[in-house]
């Protein structure tokens, strides 16, 4: 019989990364992060003006935040329903002890997987998925996730409505898409 559950903290800590820790952030760095979380397409010039530093300083700070792994990338916020993914769900999984790395790799390959977290409590993994409809969601859960030998059980929580929060924790106002900014000249950086 499979071993059901156990302490996965050591495995989670081992996954935390082996690189050097990021340098401490000051108030300007935190302001830059808040601004970029709200608008990842902000120009260096607008970042510098809003945090009251030179463009060169803002550019250097952003690059340091990227190099230190504080900023992991830039992405678009997607309206999943308008993008043809009308069914969203959080799926909780109980998994075999010490199988987190294997399960994580398999979950990352699933179509529509948006977020995966190793958690504590009554279950081990929390997975957010977006699918075209409930039929596709059912297929994903029953044939893909539950067929993994490391998965002991699942529970699916349908999302009826969701609201993205900005970095300050308040709801994001719907924004109309903006055209890409034109490339900047070196003087604007």
N, C-alpha and C. Protein backbone atom coordinates (compact mmCIF):
# COMPACT_ATOMS: atom_id res chain seq x y z
N UNK A 1 0.85 -1.19 0.00
CA UNK A 1 0.00 0.00 0.00
C UNK A 1 0.89 1.24 0.00
N UNK A 2 0.46 2.25 -0.70
CA UNK A 2 1.23 3.49 -0.80
C UNK A 2 1.24 4.23 0.52
N UNK A 3 2.35 4.88 0.78
CA UNK A 3 2.42 5.75 1.95
C UNK A 3 1.63 7.01 1.62
N UNK A 4 0.66 7.35 2.46
CA UNK A 4 -0.29 8.42 2.11
C UNK A 4 0.29 9.80 2.22
N UNK A 5 0.70 10.20 3.42
CA UNK A 5 1.06 11.59 3.61
C UNK A 5 2.25 11.67 4.55
N UNK A 6 2.83 12.84 4.63
CA UNK A 6 3.91 13.05 5.57
C UNK A 6 4.41 14.46 5.49
N UNK A 7 5.50 14.69 6.14
CA UNK A 7 6.07 16.02 6.17
C UNK A 7 6.83 16.28 4.88
N UNK A 8 6.35 17.25 4.10
CA UNK A 8 7.01 17.59 2.84
C UNK A 8 7.81 18.87 2.95
N UNK A 9 8.00 19.38 4.16
CA UNK A 9 8.70 20.65 4.32
C UNK A 9 10.13 20.58 3.82
N UNK A 10 10.83 19.49 4.10
CA UNK A 10 12.23 19.37 3.66
C UNK A 10 12.31 19.39 2.14
N UNK A 11 11.39 18.69 1.48
CA UNK A 11 11.39 18.69 0.02
C UNK A 11 11.07 20.07 -0.53
N UNK A 12 10.12 20.76 0.11
CA UNK A 12 9.77 22.10 -0.34
C UNK A 12 10.96 23.04 -0.17
N UNK A 13 11.68 22.95 0.95
CA UNK A 13 12.83 23.82 1.17
C UNK A 13 13.93 23.51 0.17
N UNK A 14 14.09 22.24 -0.19
CA UNK A 14 15.10 21.88 -1.16
C UNK A 14 14.79 22.51 -2.52
N UNK A 15 13.49 22.72 -2.80
CA UNK A 15 13.10 23.33 -4.07
C UNK A 15 13.20 24.85 -4.06
N UNK A 16 13.46 25.43 -2.91
CA UNK A 16 13.43 26.89 -2.78
C UNK A 16 14.51 27.57 -3.59
N UNK A 17 15.50 26.84 -4.03
CA UNK A 17 16.55 27.44 -4.85
C UNK A 17 17.86 27.47 -4.11
N UNK A 18 18.93 27.30 -4.84
CA UNK A 18 20.23 27.23 -4.20
C UNK A 18 21.09 28.44 -4.46
N UNK A 19 20.56 29.43 -5.15
CA UNK A 19 21.35 30.61 -5.48
C UNK A 19 21.50 31.54 -4.29
N UNK A 20 22.34 32.54 -4.45
CA UNK A 20 22.52 33.51 -3.36
C UNK A 20 21.23 34.29 -3.13
N UNK A 21 21.01 34.72 -1.90
CA UNK A 21 19.79 35.48 -1.62
C UNK A 21 19.81 36.84 -2.32
N UNK A 22 18.62 37.34 -2.63
CA UNK A 22 18.51 38.65 -3.26
C UNK A 22 18.95 39.72 -2.27
N UNK A 23 19.49 40.80 -2.81
CA UNK A 23 19.87 41.92 -1.96
C UNK A 23 18.63 42.54 -1.34
N UNK A 24 18.77 43.16 -0.17
CA UNK A 24 17.60 43.78 0.47
C UNK A 24 17.00 44.87 -0.43
N UNK A 25 15.68 44.99 -0.38
CA UNK A 25 14.98 46.00 -1.18
C UNK A 25 14.75 47.24 -0.34
N UNK A 26 14.96 48.40 -0.95
CA UNK A 26 14.65 49.65 -0.25
C UNK A 26 13.29 50.15 -0.73
N UNK A 27 12.87 51.29 -0.24
CA UNK A 27 11.55 51.83 -0.57
C UNK A 27 11.40 52.09 -2.07
N UNK A 28 12.46 52.53 -2.73
CA UNK A 28 12.39 52.80 -4.16
C UNK A 28 12.20 51.50 -4.93
N UNK A 29 12.95 50.45 -4.54
CA UNK A 29 12.78 49.15 -5.19
C UNK A 29 11.34 48.66 -5.04
N UNK A 30 10.77 48.78 -3.84
CA UNK A 30 9.40 48.33 -3.61
C UNK A 30 8.41 49.16 -4.43
N UNK A 31 8.66 50.46 -4.57
CA UNK A 31 7.80 51.30 -5.41
C UNK A 31 7.87 50.87 -6.87
N UNK A 32 9.07 50.55 -7.33
CA UNK A 32 9.24 50.08 -8.71
C UNK A 32 8.48 48.77 -8.91
N UNK A 33 8.59 47.86 -7.95
CA UNK A 33 7.88 46.58 -8.06
C UNK A 33 6.37 46.79 -8.11
N UNK A 34 5.85 47.65 -7.24
CA UNK A 34 4.41 47.92 -7.25
C UNK A 34 3.98 48.50 -8.60
N UNK A 35 4.77 49.41 -9.13
CA UNK A 35 4.42 50.03 -10.39
C UNK A 35 4.43 49.00 -11.53
N UNK A 36 5.46 48.15 -11.56
CA UNK A 36 5.55 47.16 -12.64
C UNK A 36 4.51 46.05 -12.48
N UNK A 37 4.09 45.76 -11.25
CA UNK A 37 3.01 44.78 -11.07
C UNK A 37 1.70 45.32 -11.61
N UNK A 38 1.51 46.62 -11.48
CA UNK A 38 0.29 47.25 -11.99
C UNK A 38 0.36 47.43 -13.50
N UNK A 39 1.53 47.81 -14.01
CA UNK A 39 1.71 48.04 -15.45
C UNK A 39 3.09 47.55 -15.86
N UNK A 40 3.17 46.30 -16.26
CA UNK A 40 4.44 45.70 -16.66
C UNK A 40 5.02 46.30 -17.92
N UNK A 41 4.23 47.11 -18.62
CA UNK A 41 4.71 47.74 -19.85
C UNK A 41 5.16 49.18 -19.64
N UNK A 42 5.25 49.60 -18.40
CA UNK A 42 5.67 50.98 -18.12
C UNK A 42 7.08 51.21 -18.67
N UNK A 43 7.29 52.37 -19.24
CA UNK A 43 8.61 52.70 -19.78
C UNK A 43 9.57 53.06 -18.65
N UNK A 44 10.84 52.94 -18.93
CA UNK A 44 11.86 53.33 -17.95
C UNK A 44 11.65 54.78 -17.55
N UNK A 45 11.34 55.62 -18.53
CA UNK A 45 11.13 57.04 -18.25
C UNK A 45 10.00 57.25 -17.24
N UNK A 46 8.85 56.57 -17.44
CA UNK A 46 7.73 56.76 -16.52
C UNK A 46 8.03 56.17 -15.15
N UNK A 47 8.74 55.05 -15.09
CA UNK A 47 9.14 54.48 -13.80
C UNK A 47 10.02 55.48 -13.06
N UNK A 48 11.03 56.01 -13.74
CA UNK A 48 11.96 56.96 -13.12
C UNK A 48 11.22 58.20 -12.60
N UNK A 49 10.31 58.72 -13.40
CA UNK A 49 9.56 59.90 -12.97
C UNK A 49 8.70 59.62 -11.74
N UNK A 50 8.04 58.47 -11.72
CA UNK A 50 7.13 58.16 -10.61
C UNK A 50 7.85 57.85 -9.32
N UNK A 51 9.08 57.31 -9.39
CA UNK A 51 9.81 56.99 -8.15
C UNK A 51 10.89 58.04 -7.85
N UNK A 52 10.97 59.06 -8.69
CA UNK A 52 11.85 60.22 -8.47
C UNK A 52 13.33 59.84 -8.45
N UNK A 53 13.74 59.08 -9.50
CA UNK A 53 15.16 58.79 -9.70
C UNK A 53 15.48 59.04 -11.17
N UNK A 54 16.75 59.04 -11.51
CA UNK A 54 17.13 59.22 -12.91
C UNK A 54 16.75 57.98 -13.71
N UNK A 55 16.67 58.14 -15.03
CA UNK A 55 16.36 56.98 -15.88
C UNK A 55 17.44 55.92 -15.75
N UNK A 56 18.70 56.34 -15.66
CA UNK A 56 19.80 55.37 -15.52
C UNK A 56 19.67 54.58 -14.21
N UNK A 57 19.28 55.27 -13.14
CA UNK A 57 19.10 54.60 -11.85
C UNK A 57 17.94 53.62 -11.92
N UNK A 58 16.83 54.03 -12.52
CA UNK A 58 15.67 53.15 -12.64
C UNK A 58 16.03 51.92 -13.48
N UNK A 59 16.73 52.13 -14.58
CA UNK A 59 17.16 51.04 -15.45
C UNK A 59 18.05 50.06 -14.69
N UNK A 60 19.01 50.59 -13.94
CA UNK A 60 19.93 49.74 -13.17
C UNK A 60 19.18 48.97 -12.08
N UNK A 61 18.25 49.62 -11.42
CA UNK A 61 17.47 48.95 -10.36
C UNK A 61 16.61 47.82 -10.94
N UNK A 62 15.95 48.08 -12.05
CA UNK A 62 15.12 47.04 -12.67
C UNK A 62 15.99 45.86 -13.09
N UNK A 63 17.11 46.13 -13.71
CA UNK A 63 18.02 45.05 -14.11
C UNK A 63 18.53 44.27 -12.91
N UNK A 64 18.82 44.96 -11.79
CA UNK A 64 19.26 44.25 -10.57
C UNK A 64 18.14 43.37 -10.04
N UNK A 65 16.90 43.88 -10.06
CA UNK A 65 15.77 43.09 -9.59
C UNK A 65 15.57 41.85 -10.47
N UNK A 66 15.82 41.98 -11.76
CA UNK A 66 15.74 40.84 -12.68
C UNK A 66 16.88 39.87 -12.40
N UNK A 67 18.11 40.40 -12.31
CA UNK A 67 19.29 39.55 -12.07
C UNK A 67 19.20 38.81 -10.75
N UNK A 68 18.64 39.45 -9.73
CA UNK A 68 18.50 38.81 -8.41
C UNK A 68 17.32 37.84 -8.35
N UNK A 69 16.53 37.77 -9.42
CA UNK A 69 15.40 36.85 -9.44
C UNK A 69 14.17 37.37 -8.73
N UNK A 70 14.19 38.65 -8.32
CA UNK A 70 13.01 39.23 -7.68
C UNK A 70 11.91 39.39 -8.73
N UNK A 71 12.28 39.93 -9.89
CA UNK A 71 11.36 39.99 -11.03
C UNK A 71 11.66 38.77 -11.88
N UNK A 72 10.66 37.89 -12.01
CA UNK A 72 10.86 36.64 -12.75
C UNK A 72 10.41 36.75 -14.20
N UNK A 73 9.76 37.84 -14.56
CA UNK A 73 9.29 38.00 -15.93
C UNK A 73 8.16 39.00 -15.98
N UNK A 74 7.67 39.23 -17.18
CA UNK A 74 6.58 40.16 -17.41
C UNK A 74 5.52 39.41 -18.21
N UNK A 75 4.26 39.62 -17.87
CA UNK A 75 3.22 38.89 -18.57
C UNK A 75 1.94 39.72 -18.67
N UNK A 76 1.01 39.20 -19.43
CA UNK A 76 -0.28 39.86 -19.61
C UNK A 76 -1.31 39.21 -18.71
N UNK A 77 -2.25 40.00 -18.20
CA UNK A 77 -3.39 39.45 -17.46
C UNK A 77 -4.46 39.11 -18.50
N UNK A 78 -4.91 37.88 -18.47
CA UNK A 78 -5.82 37.38 -19.50
C UNK A 78 -7.22 37.22 -18.94
N UNK A 79 -8.20 37.64 -19.69
CA UNK A 79 -9.60 37.33 -19.39
C UNK A 79 -9.84 35.95 -19.98
N UNK A 80 -9.82 34.92 -19.13
CA UNK A 80 -9.86 33.54 -19.60
C UNK A 80 -11.15 33.22 -20.33
N UNK A 81 -12.25 33.78 -19.89
CA UNK A 81 -13.52 33.51 -20.57
C UNK A 81 -13.50 34.04 -22.00
N UNK A 82 -13.00 35.27 -22.16
CA UNK A 82 -12.92 35.86 -23.51
C UNK A 82 -11.89 35.15 -24.38
N UNK A 83 -10.93 34.47 -23.73
CA UNK A 83 -9.90 33.74 -24.46
C UNK A 83 -10.32 32.29 -24.75
N UNK A 84 -11.60 31.97 -24.51
CA UNK A 84 -12.10 30.64 -24.83
C UNK A 84 -11.89 29.61 -23.73
N UNK A 85 -11.56 30.07 -22.53
CA UNK A 85 -11.38 29.16 -21.40
C UNK A 85 -12.44 29.51 -20.36
N UNK A 86 -13.67 29.12 -20.63
CA UNK A 86 -14.81 29.52 -19.82
C UNK A 86 -14.97 28.80 -18.50
N UNK A 87 -14.23 27.73 -18.27
CA UNK A 87 -14.33 27.00 -17.01
C UNK A 87 -13.00 27.08 -16.27
N UNK A 88 -13.06 27.56 -15.04
CA UNK A 88 -11.87 27.63 -14.20
C UNK A 88 -12.16 26.86 -12.91
N UNK A 89 -11.13 26.24 -12.35
CA UNK A 89 -11.31 25.48 -11.12
C UNK A 89 -10.00 25.40 -10.35
N UNK A 90 -10.15 25.36 -9.04
CA UNK A 90 -9.04 25.00 -8.17
C UNK A 90 -9.21 23.52 -7.88
N UNK A 91 -8.14 22.77 -8.04
CA UNK A 91 -8.18 21.34 -7.77
C UNK A 91 -7.20 21.06 -6.64
N UNK A 92 -7.70 20.43 -5.58
CA UNK A 92 -6.82 20.04 -4.48
C UNK A 92 -6.43 18.59 -4.69
N UNK A 93 -5.18 18.28 -4.38
CA UNK A 93 -4.68 16.92 -4.55
C UNK A 93 -4.02 16.44 -3.27
N UNK A 94 -4.28 15.21 -2.91
CA UNK A 94 -3.50 14.51 -1.90
C UNK A 94 -2.56 13.62 -2.68
N UNK A 95 -1.27 13.68 -2.33
CA UNK A 95 -0.28 12.93 -3.11
C UNK A 95 0.55 12.02 -2.20
N UNK A 96 1.19 11.05 -2.82
CA UNK A 96 2.09 10.15 -2.11
C UNK A 96 3.24 10.96 -1.54
N UNK A 97 3.65 10.63 -0.31
CA UNK A 97 4.75 11.34 0.34
C UNK A 97 5.99 11.31 -0.55
N UNK A 98 6.70 12.41 -0.57
CA UNK A 98 7.95 12.58 -1.32
C UNK A 98 7.78 12.50 -2.84
N UNK A 99 6.59 12.75 -3.35
CA UNK A 99 6.39 12.71 -4.80
C UNK A 99 6.18 14.10 -5.39
N UNK A 100 6.38 15.16 -4.60
CA UNK A 100 6.10 16.52 -5.03
C UNK A 100 6.78 16.87 -6.35
N UNK A 101 8.06 16.60 -6.47
CA UNK A 101 8.78 17.01 -7.69
C UNK A 101 8.20 16.32 -8.94
N UNK A 102 7.92 15.04 -8.82
CA UNK A 102 7.35 14.29 -9.94
C UNK A 102 5.97 14.82 -10.30
N UNK A 103 5.14 15.00 -9.28
CA UNK A 103 3.78 15.50 -9.51
C UNK A 103 3.83 16.90 -10.13
N UNK A 104 4.68 17.76 -9.60
CA UNK A 104 4.79 19.12 -10.13
C UNK A 104 5.16 19.09 -11.61
N UNK A 105 6.13 18.26 -11.99
CA UNK A 105 6.53 18.18 -13.39
C UNK A 105 5.36 17.74 -14.28
N UNK A 106 4.59 16.77 -13.82
CA UNK A 106 3.46 16.28 -14.62
C UNK A 106 2.34 17.31 -14.70
N UNK A 107 2.08 18.01 -13.59
CA UNK A 107 1.03 19.03 -13.59
C UNK A 107 1.39 20.20 -14.50
N UNK A 108 2.67 20.55 -14.56
CA UNK A 108 3.11 21.65 -15.41
C UNK A 108 2.83 21.37 -16.88
N UNK A 109 2.76 20.10 -17.25
CA UNK A 109 2.53 19.71 -18.64
C UNK A 109 1.06 19.72 -19.02
N UNK A 110 0.17 19.85 -18.03
CA UNK A 110 -1.27 19.80 -18.31
C UNK A 110 -1.73 21.04 -19.07
N UNK A 111 -2.60 20.86 -20.06
CA UNK A 111 -3.15 22.02 -20.74
C UNK A 111 -4.04 22.82 -19.78
N UNK A 112 -3.84 24.12 -19.74
CA UNK A 112 -4.67 24.98 -18.90
C UNK A 112 -4.18 25.15 -17.48
N UNK A 113 -3.12 24.46 -17.07
CA UNK A 113 -2.59 24.64 -15.71
C UNK A 113 -2.03 26.05 -15.59
N UNK A 114 -2.50 26.79 -14.58
CA UNK A 114 -2.11 28.19 -14.44
C UNK A 114 -1.27 28.44 -13.19
N UNK A 115 -1.49 27.64 -12.14
CA UNK A 115 -0.76 27.86 -10.88
C UNK A 115 -0.72 26.54 -10.13
N UNK A 116 0.44 26.22 -9.58
CA UNK A 116 0.62 24.99 -8.81
C UNK A 116 1.33 25.36 -7.52
N UNK A 117 0.80 24.90 -6.37
CA UNK A 117 1.42 25.21 -5.09
C UNK A 117 1.42 23.98 -4.19
N UNK A 118 2.55 23.74 -3.52
CA UNK A 118 2.64 22.75 -2.46
C UNK A 118 2.19 23.46 -1.20
N UNK A 119 1.19 22.92 -0.51
CA UNK A 119 0.59 23.60 0.63
C UNK A 119 0.51 22.67 1.84
N UNK A 120 0.20 23.24 2.98
CA UNK A 120 -0.03 22.44 4.18
C UNK A 120 -1.53 22.35 4.43
N UNK A 121 -1.94 21.41 5.24
CA UNK A 121 -3.36 21.30 5.58
C UNK A 121 -3.92 19.96 5.19
N UNK A 122 -5.20 19.95 4.83
CA UNK A 122 -5.90 18.71 4.53
C UNK A 122 -5.53 18.11 3.18
N UNK A 123 -4.85 18.87 2.35
CA UNK A 123 -4.38 18.36 1.05
C UNK A 123 -2.97 18.88 0.84
N UNK A 124 -2.31 18.38 -0.19
CA UNK A 124 -0.90 18.67 -0.41
C UNK A 124 -0.64 19.69 -1.52
N UNK A 125 -1.46 19.66 -2.55
CA UNK A 125 -1.22 20.48 -3.74
C UNK A 125 -2.50 21.24 -4.08
N UNK A 126 -2.33 22.50 -4.46
CA UNK A 126 -3.43 23.32 -4.97
C UNK A 126 -3.09 23.68 -6.41
N UNK A 127 -3.99 23.34 -7.31
CA UNK A 127 -3.78 23.54 -8.74
C UNK A 127 -4.91 24.41 -9.29
N UNK A 128 -4.57 25.46 -10.02
CA UNK A 128 -5.55 26.29 -10.71
C UNK A 128 -5.49 25.95 -12.19
N UNK A 129 -6.65 25.63 -12.77
CA UNK A 129 -6.71 25.31 -14.20
C UNK A 129 -7.80 26.14 -14.88
N UNK A 130 -7.59 26.37 -16.17
CA UNK A 130 -8.58 27.03 -17.03
C UNK A 130 -8.80 26.11 -18.22
N UNK A 131 -10.06 25.77 -18.49
CA UNK A 131 -10.38 24.91 -19.63
C UNK A 131 -11.51 25.53 -20.44
N UNK A 132 -11.75 24.97 -21.60
CA UNK A 132 -12.78 25.52 -22.49
C UNK A 132 -14.17 25.44 -21.87
N UNK A 133 -14.46 24.33 -21.21
CA UNK A 133 -15.79 24.14 -20.62
C UNK A 133 -15.72 23.05 -19.56
N UNK A 134 -16.86 22.74 -18.95
CA UNK A 134 -16.89 21.74 -17.89
C UNK A 134 -16.55 20.34 -18.40
N UNK A 135 -16.91 20.05 -19.62
CA UNK A 135 -16.56 18.74 -20.19
C UNK A 135 -15.04 18.59 -20.27
N UNK A 136 -14.34 19.62 -20.74
CA UNK A 136 -12.88 19.57 -20.82
C UNK A 136 -12.28 19.50 -19.41
N UNK A 137 -12.88 20.20 -18.46
CA UNK A 137 -12.41 20.15 -17.07
C UNK A 137 -12.57 18.73 -16.52
N UNK A 138 -13.73 18.13 -16.75
CA UNK A 138 -13.98 16.75 -16.30
C UNK A 138 -12.95 15.80 -16.89
N UNK A 139 -12.68 15.93 -18.16
CA UNK A 139 -11.69 15.09 -18.84
C UNK A 139 -10.30 15.27 -18.23
N UNK A 140 -9.94 16.50 -17.97
CA UNK A 140 -8.63 16.80 -17.37
C UNK A 140 -8.49 16.13 -16.00
N UNK A 141 -9.51 16.28 -15.17
CA UNK A 141 -9.44 15.72 -13.82
C UNK A 141 -9.48 14.20 -13.85
N UNK A 142 -10.45 13.64 -14.55
CA UNK A 142 -10.66 12.19 -14.49
C UNK A 142 -9.63 11.38 -15.27
N UNK A 143 -9.18 11.89 -16.41
CA UNK A 143 -8.26 11.06 -17.22
C UNK A 143 -6.80 11.46 -17.09
N UNK A 144 -6.53 12.69 -16.79
CA UNK A 144 -5.13 13.11 -16.71
C UNK A 144 -4.61 13.14 -15.27
N UNK A 145 -5.31 13.85 -14.39
CA UNK A 145 -4.81 14.03 -13.03
C UNK A 145 -5.01 12.76 -12.20
N UNK A 146 -6.21 12.21 -12.20
CA UNK A 146 -6.46 11.04 -11.37
C UNK A 146 -5.76 9.78 -11.87
N UNK A 147 -5.26 9.81 -13.08
CA UNK A 147 -4.51 8.65 -13.58
C UNK A 147 -3.04 8.66 -13.15
N UNK A 148 -2.60 9.75 -12.55
CA UNK A 148 -1.21 9.81 -12.06
C UNK A 148 -1.10 8.91 -10.83
N UNK A 149 -0.15 7.96 -10.83
CA UNK A 149 -0.04 7.04 -9.71
C UNK A 149 0.26 7.72 -8.37
N UNK A 150 0.88 8.89 -8.40
CA UNK A 150 1.24 9.60 -7.17
C UNK A 150 0.06 10.36 -6.56
N UNK A 151 -1.02 10.51 -7.31
CA UNK A 151 -2.19 11.25 -6.84
C UNK A 151 -3.13 10.28 -6.14
N UNK A 152 -3.36 10.52 -4.84
CA UNK A 152 -4.22 9.66 -4.04
C UNK A 152 -5.68 10.06 -4.14
N UNK A 153 -5.95 11.38 -4.18
CA UNK A 153 -7.32 11.86 -4.31
C UNK A 153 -7.31 13.29 -4.78
N UNK A 154 -8.46 13.71 -5.32
CA UNK A 154 -8.62 15.10 -5.78
C UNK A 154 -9.97 15.62 -5.31
N UNK A 155 -10.06 16.92 -5.26
CA UNK A 155 -11.34 17.60 -5.03
C UNK A 155 -11.32 18.82 -5.94
N UNK A 156 -12.39 19.04 -6.67
CA UNK A 156 -12.47 20.13 -7.64
C UNK A 156 -13.42 21.21 -7.14
N UNK A 157 -12.94 22.44 -7.14
CA UNK A 157 -13.72 23.60 -6.71
C UNK A 157 -13.91 24.51 -7.92
N UNK A 158 -15.12 24.59 -8.43
CA UNK A 158 -15.38 25.44 -9.60
C UNK A 158 -15.29 26.91 -9.21
N UNK A 159 -14.74 27.70 -10.09
CA UNK A 159 -14.66 29.15 -9.89
C UNK A 159 -15.85 29.77 -10.62
N UNK A 160 -16.71 30.46 -9.87
CA UNK A 160 -17.87 31.10 -10.48
C UNK A 160 -17.55 32.52 -10.94
N UNK A 161 -16.68 33.20 -10.21
CA UNK A 161 -16.30 34.57 -10.54
C UNK A 161 -14.94 34.83 -9.91
N UNK A 162 -14.12 35.61 -10.58
CA UNK A 162 -12.81 35.95 -10.02
C UNK A 162 -12.47 37.39 -10.29
N UNK A 163 -11.63 37.95 -9.44
CA UNK A 163 -11.18 39.33 -9.57
C UNK A 163 -9.68 39.36 -9.35
N UNK A 164 -8.94 39.87 -10.31
CA UNK A 164 -7.51 40.05 -10.14
C UNK A 164 -7.27 41.23 -9.21
N UNK A 165 -6.28 41.11 -8.35
CA UNK A 165 -5.92 42.21 -7.46
C UNK A 165 -4.61 42.82 -7.93
N UNK A 166 -4.49 44.15 -7.80
CA UNK A 166 -3.22 44.78 -8.12
C UNK A 166 -2.29 44.62 -6.93
N UNK A 167 -1.10 45.18 -7.00
CA UNK A 167 -0.10 44.99 -5.95
C UNK A 167 -0.53 45.59 -4.62
N UNK A 168 -1.48 46.52 -4.62
CA UNK A 168 -1.95 47.12 -3.37
C UNK A 168 -3.11 46.33 -2.78
N UNK A 169 -3.55 45.27 -3.47
CA UNK A 169 -4.62 44.44 -2.95
C UNK A 169 -6.01 44.91 -3.31
N UNK A 170 -6.11 45.90 -4.18
CA UNK A 170 -7.44 46.36 -4.57
C UNK A 170 -7.79 45.81 -5.95
N UNK A 171 -9.07 45.69 -6.26
CA UNK A 171 -9.48 45.13 -7.55
C UNK A 171 -8.94 45.95 -8.72
N UNK A 172 -8.56 45.26 -9.78
CA UNK A 172 -8.09 45.92 -10.99
C UNK A 172 -9.29 46.40 -11.78
N UNK A 173 -9.25 47.64 -12.17
CA UNK A 173 -10.29 48.15 -13.07
C UNK A 173 -10.05 47.55 -14.44
N UNK A 174 -11.10 47.14 -15.13
CA UNK A 174 -10.90 46.61 -16.48
C UNK A 174 -10.24 47.67 -17.35
N UNK A 175 -9.24 47.24 -18.09
CA UNK A 175 -8.52 48.18 -18.94
C UNK A 175 -8.64 47.72 -20.38
N UNK A 176 -8.78 48.70 -21.28
CA UNK A 176 -8.77 48.35 -22.69
C UNK A 176 -7.33 48.14 -23.11
N UNK A 177 -7.09 47.19 -24.00
CA UNK A 177 -5.72 46.92 -24.42
C UNK A 177 -5.08 48.15 -25.06
N UNK A 178 -3.82 48.34 -24.77
CA UNK A 178 -3.06 49.44 -25.34
C UNK A 178 -2.14 48.89 -26.42
N UNK A 179 -1.89 49.65 -27.47
CA UNK A 179 -0.94 49.17 -28.48
C UNK A 179 0.45 49.16 -27.88
N UNK A 180 1.33 48.29 -28.38
CA UNK A 180 2.69 48.25 -27.85
C UNK A 180 3.36 49.60 -27.99
N UNK A 181 4.21 49.92 -27.00
CA UNK A 181 4.94 51.18 -27.04
C UNK A 181 6.02 51.09 -28.11
N UNK A 182 6.27 52.21 -28.75
CA UNK A 182 7.31 52.22 -29.76
C UNK A 182 8.67 52.08 -29.08
N UNK A 183 9.63 51.48 -29.76
CA UNK A 183 10.95 51.33 -29.16
C UNK A 183 11.51 52.68 -28.73
N UNK A 184 12.23 52.65 -27.62
CA UNK A 184 12.79 53.89 -27.09
C UNK A 184 14.18 54.10 -27.62
N UNK A 185 14.52 55.35 -27.76
CA UNK A 185 15.88 55.66 -28.14
C UNK A 185 16.75 55.53 -26.90
N UNK A 186 18.06 55.32 -27.05
CA UNK A 186 18.94 55.19 -25.89
C UNK A 186 18.87 56.41 -24.96
N UNK A 187 18.54 57.59 -25.48
CA UNK A 187 18.45 58.77 -24.64
C UNK A 187 17.28 58.66 -23.67
N UNK A 188 16.22 57.95 -24.04
CA UNK A 188 15.05 57.83 -23.16
C UNK A 188 15.28 56.83 -22.05
N UNK A 189 16.26 55.92 -22.22
CA UNK A 189 16.55 54.93 -21.18
C UNK A 189 17.26 55.62 -20.06
